[in-house]
Amino acid sequence: MASSPRQTLSSLTALALGLALLLCAASQSSGTSVSSVVTEAFFNGIKNQAPSSCEGKNFYTRSAFLSAADSFPGFAHGGTEADGKREVAAFFAHTTYETGHFCYISEINRANVFCDPMEQWPCVPGKKYYGRGPLQISWNFNYGPAGKSIGVNLLANPDKVAQDPVVSFKTALWIWMNNAHQAMPKGFGATVMAIEGTIGCNGNSPAQMKALVGYYKQYCRELGVDPGNNLTC
């Protein structure tokens, strides 16, 4: 018996929905497999350049990074495989610079409180919001929303970033996804502006820029991808 117009319409609707779901899945999976790109050799190749006495030696691990990355599925995705590799290289260029090859968990000068009086993210008495983690998250107005995003009250316990390596990497990825991820299509230099601002750009810190670009190029070579254009800002 021939299908009714309603049955045909229903079948076409189901087919269209199926195709839409497939396209959505393909869009979400575009990029690169973070776990296959960030190998033990790649990760430890960075960490092993730091002195053996560094506090971060036994803190920062590949497994902690991958666990944190699972909470940020957009990281290294949204473009081609090469785009994903470049984002991985860029992220690790910045974290290498900030931590001295994963040597430092917290900033050296821990006397800084970094509290900005505000109603939305009020500082907890006795707590200090100095730099911690792979991208040295600092200030209460960053600890607050980052903690809310990852499900940890970092305003009340900022030290958690220096105690739990997964939380530590999650804060770094939170910073990255809210600042540098959108800048990646414009080139590595745009990520420097996104993370460092004018302090790191416009010729204000040539040594820093040279180091960051050097790390980025090195990691791009290791990952077998061209670094692209616009490396400085």
Protein backbone atom coordinates (compact mmCIF):
# COMPACT_ATOMS: atom_id res chain seq x y z
CA MET A 1 0.00 0.00 0.00
CA ALA A 2 1.33 3.44 -0.90
CA SER A 3 2.53 5.70 1.89
CA SER A 4 0.26 8.53 2.91
CA PRO A 5 1.50 12.14 2.54
CA ARG A 6 1.69 12.34 6.33
CA GLN A 7 3.87 9.20 6.51
CA THR A 8 6.14 10.54 3.75
CA LEU A 9 6.49 13.87 5.52
CA SER A 10 7.27 12.08 8.76
CA SER A 11 9.95 9.98 7.07
CA LEU A 12 11.53 13.05 5.45
CA THR A 13 11.50 14.86 8.79
CA ALA A 14 13.21 11.92 10.47
CA LEU A 15 15.80 11.75 7.68
CA ALA A 16 16.49 15.49 7.95
CA LEU A 17 16.85 15.21 11.71
CA GLY A 18 19.27 12.30 11.31
CA LEU A 19 21.38 14.24 8.82
CA ALA A 20 21.40 17.26 11.13
CA LEU A 21 22.61 15.13 14.02
CA LEU A 22 25.35 13.64 11.86
CA LEU A 23 26.48 17.10 10.74
CA CYS A 24 26.44 18.32 14.33
CA ALA A 25 28.53 15.35 15.46
CA ALA A 26 30.97 15.92 12.61
CA SER A 27 31.25 19.59 13.54
CA GLN A 28 31.92 18.77 17.19
CA SER A 29 34.54 16.17 16.30
CA SER A 30 36.43 18.40 13.88
CA GLY A 31 39.87 19.30 15.08
CA THR A 32 42.27 16.86 16.61
CA SER A 33 42.37 14.12 19.22
CA VAL A 34 43.97 15.83 22.21
CA SER A 35 45.05 12.57 23.83
CA SER A 36 46.78 11.36 20.65
CA VAL A 37 48.57 14.68 20.12
CA VAL A 38 49.62 15.30 23.72
CA THR A 39 51.61 12.11 24.13
CA GLU A 40 53.71 11.17 27.15
CA ALA A 41 56.79 12.00 25.10
CA PHE A 42 55.46 15.45 24.19
CA PHE A 43 54.31 16.33 27.70
CA ASN A 44 57.33 14.97 29.53
CA GLY A 45 59.61 16.51 26.93
CA ILE A 46 58.47 19.88 28.26
CA LYS A 47 58.51 18.99 31.94
CA ASN A 48 61.91 17.31 31.82
CA GLN A 49 63.57 20.59 30.86
CA ALA A 50 62.90 21.93 34.36
CA PRO A 51 65.32 21.20 37.24
CA SER A 52 64.56 18.01 39.15
CA SER A 53 64.08 20.04 42.33
CA CYS A 54 61.04 21.90 40.92
CA GLU A 55 57.82 21.70 42.91
CA GLY A 56 55.83 21.03 39.77
CA LYS A 57 57.76 17.90 38.78
CA ASN A 58 55.37 15.52 40.51
CA PHE A 59 52.36 17.82 40.29
CA TYR A 60 51.83 18.48 36.60
CA THR A 61 51.08 15.24 34.74
CA ARG A 62 49.75 14.31 31.35
CA SER A 63 46.90 12.35 32.92
CA ALA A 64 45.83 15.40 34.96
CA PHE A 65 45.86 17.53 31.81
CA LEU A 66 43.81 15.01 29.84
CA SER A 67 41.29 14.68 32.68
CA ALA A 68 40.90 18.45 32.71
CA ALA A 69 40.67 18.64 28.92
CA ASP A 70 37.70 16.26 28.98
CA SER A 71 35.71 19.06 30.62
CA PHE A 72 36.51 21.42 27.72
CA PRO A 73 35.51 19.54 24.54
CA GLY A 74 35.93 22.69 22.45
CA PHE A 75 39.66 22.79 23.11
CA ALA A 76 41.61 22.04 19.90
CA HIS A 77 38.30 21.59 18.07
CA GLY A 78 36.21 23.70 15.73
CA GLY A 79 38.63 23.70 12.81
CA THR A 80 40.89 21.33 10.91
CA GLU A 81 43.28 18.81 12.42
CA ALA A 82 46.12 21.25 11.75
CA ASP A 83 44.20 24.00 13.55
CA GLY A 84 43.78 21.72 16.53
CA LYS A 85 47.49 20.92 16.65
CA ARG A 86 48.35 24.61 16.46
CA GLU A 87 46.04 25.29 19.40
CA VAL A 88 47.71 22.55 21.44
CA ALA A 89 51.12 24.01 20.58
CA ALA A 90 49.95 27.51 21.53
CA PHE A 91 48.47 26.41 24.86
CA PHE A 92 51.65 24.62 25.87
CA ALA A 93 53.82 27.52 24.69
CA HIS A 94 52.01 29.79 27.14
CA THR A 95 52.00 27.29 30.01
CA THR A 96 55.69 26.55 29.44
CA TYR A 97 56.49 30.23 29.75
CA GLU A 98 54.24 30.83 32.76
CA THR A 99 55.52 27.88 34.78
CA GLY A 100 59.12 27.54 33.59
CA HIS A 101 58.55 24.18 31.89
CA PHE A 102 56.05 23.13 34.59
CA CYS A 103 58.41 23.98 37.40
CA TYR A 104 56.26 26.46 39.33
CA ILE A 105 52.83 25.71 40.74
CA SER A 106 52.39 29.13 42.32
CA GLU A 107 54.00 32.46 41.62
CA ILE A 108 57.21 33.25 43.46
CA ASN A 109 55.91 36.34 45.25
CA ARG A 110 53.04 34.91 47.28
CA ALA A 111 52.61 37.99 49.42
CA ASN A 112 50.31 39.48 46.80
CA VAL A 113 46.63 39.34 47.80
CA PHE A 114 45.17 40.39 44.41
CA CYS A 115 41.76 41.28 45.84
CA ASP A 116 39.52 43.68 43.98
CA PRO A 117 36.57 44.82 46.16
CA MET A 118 33.42 43.78 44.31
CA GLU A 119 30.00 42.43 45.16
CA GLN A 120 29.82 39.60 42.64
CA TRP A 121 33.05 37.85 43.56
CA PRO A 122 33.88 39.05 47.09
CA CYS A 123 37.25 38.09 48.53
CA VAL A 124 37.20 35.72 51.47
CA PRO A 125 39.04 37.16 54.47
CA GLY A 126 42.50 35.69 54.86
CA LYS A 127 42.64 34.28 51.33
CA LYS A 128 45.11 35.36 48.69
CA TYR A 129 44.41 35.26 44.99
CA TYR A 130 47.96 35.32 43.63
CA GLY A 131 48.94 33.35 40.54
CA ARG A 132 48.56 29.59 40.61
CA GLY A 133 48.45 26.82 38.04
CA PRO A 134 49.65 26.42 34.44
CA LEU A 135 48.41 29.87 33.40
CA GLN A 136 48.87 31.43 36.84
CA ILE A 137 45.23 32.36 37.46
CA SER A 138 45.06 35.42 39.70
CA TRP A 139 42.57 37.92 41.16
CA ASN A 140 39.27 37.11 42.85
CA PHE A 141 37.31 38.09 39.73
CA ASN A 142 38.98 35.19 37.91
CA TYR A 143 39.03 32.65 40.73
CA GLY A 144 35.30 33.19 41.31
CA PRO A 145 33.90 32.52 37.82
CA ALA A 146 36.52 29.86 37.06
CA GLY A 147 35.52 27.98 40.20
CA LYS A 148 31.83 28.29 39.36
CA SER A 149 32.50 26.94 35.87
CA ILE A 150 34.41 23.86 37.06
CA GLY A 151 32.31 23.23 40.16
CA VAL A 152 34.83 24.17 42.85
CA ASN A 153 34.53 27.12 45.24
CA LEU A 154 37.87 28.70 44.48
CA LEU A 155 37.00 31.96 46.20
CA ALA A 156 36.84 30.13 49.50
CA ASN A 157 39.73 27.82 48.68
CA PRO A 158 42.12 29.31 46.09
CA ASP A 159 44.86 26.99 47.32
CA LYS A 160 42.95 24.12 45.67
CA VAL A 161 44.53 25.22 42.39
CA ALA A 162 47.97 24.46 43.86
CA GLN A 163 46.86 21.21 45.50
CA ASP A 164 44.81 19.39 42.86
CA PRO A 165 46.52 19.06 39.45
CA VAL A 166 43.25 18.40 37.60
CA VAL A 167 41.67 21.53 39.09
CA SER A 168 44.87 23.38 38.27
CA PHE A 169 44.70 22.44 34.59
CA LYS A 170 40.98 23.17 34.52
CA THR A 171 41.61 26.75 35.59
CA ALA A 172 44.21 27.10 32.83
CA LEU A 173 41.82 25.70 30.24
CA TRP A 174 39.04 27.96 31.56
CA ILE A 175 41.29 30.98 31.00
CA TRP A 176 42.27 29.67 27.59
CA MET A 177 38.77 28.92 26.35
CA ASN A 178 37.45 32.28 27.53
CA ASN A 179 40.29 34.28 26.02
CA ALA A 180 42.71 32.63 23.60
CA HIS A 181 40.58 29.96 21.92
CA GLN A 182 38.63 32.52 19.90
CA ALA A 183 41.87 34.30 18.99
CA MET A 184 43.61 31.25 17.48
CA PRO A 185 42.29 31.76 13.91
CA LYS A 186 44.06 35.14 13.89
CA GLY A 187 47.45 33.55 14.65
CA PHE A 188 49.60 32.88 17.69
CA GLY A 189 50.23 36.59 18.23
CA ALA A 190 46.53 37.08 18.91
CA THR A 191 46.70 34.56 21.76
CA VAL A 192 49.52 36.57 23.33
CA MET A 193 47.31 39.65 23.25
CA ALA A 194 44.41 37.64 24.68
CA ILE A 195 46.47 36.25 27.58
CA GLU A 196 49.04 38.98 28.24
CA GLY A 197 47.35 42.09 26.87
CA THR A 198 49.43 45.10 25.90
CA ILE A 199 52.00 44.16 28.53
CA GLY A 200 53.18 41.35 26.28
CA CYS A 201 52.51 43.06 22.95
CA ASN A 202 53.41 46.21 21.04
CA GLY A 203 57.12 45.71 21.71
CA ASN A 204 56.66 46.16 25.47
CA SER A 205 58.26 42.83 26.34
CA PRO A 206 60.49 41.63 23.48
CA ALA A 207 62.18 38.93 25.55
CA GLN A 208 58.84 37.45 26.54
CA MET A 209 57.58 37.56 22.97
CA LYS A 210 60.73 35.88 21.69
CA ALA A 211 60.41 33.10 24.25
CA LEU A 212 56.72 32.51 23.57
CA VAL A 213 57.16 32.38 19.80
CA GLY A 214 60.17 30.11 20.23
CA TYR A 215 58.20 27.63 22.31
CA TYR A 216 55.27 27.76 19.91
CA LYS A 217 57.43 27.08 16.86
CA GLN A 218 59.21 24.26 18.65
CA TYR A 219 55.95 22.55 19.60
CA CYS A 220 54.53 23.02 16.12
CA ARG A 221 57.60 21.27 14.73
CA GLU A 222 57.17 18.42 17.20
CA LEU A 223 53.51 18.07 16.24
CA GLY A 224 54.29 18.23 12.53
CA VAL A 225 52.26 21.34 11.73
CA ASP A 226 53.06 24.71 10.19
CA PRO A 227 52.89 27.51 12.79
CA GLY A 228 50.94 29.77 10.45
CA ASN A 229 51.14 33.55 10.14
CA ASN A 230 50.91 36.47 12.56
CA LEU A 231 53.14 35.01 15.25
CA THR A 232 53.63 38.27 17.13
CA CYS A 233 51.37 41.11 18.24
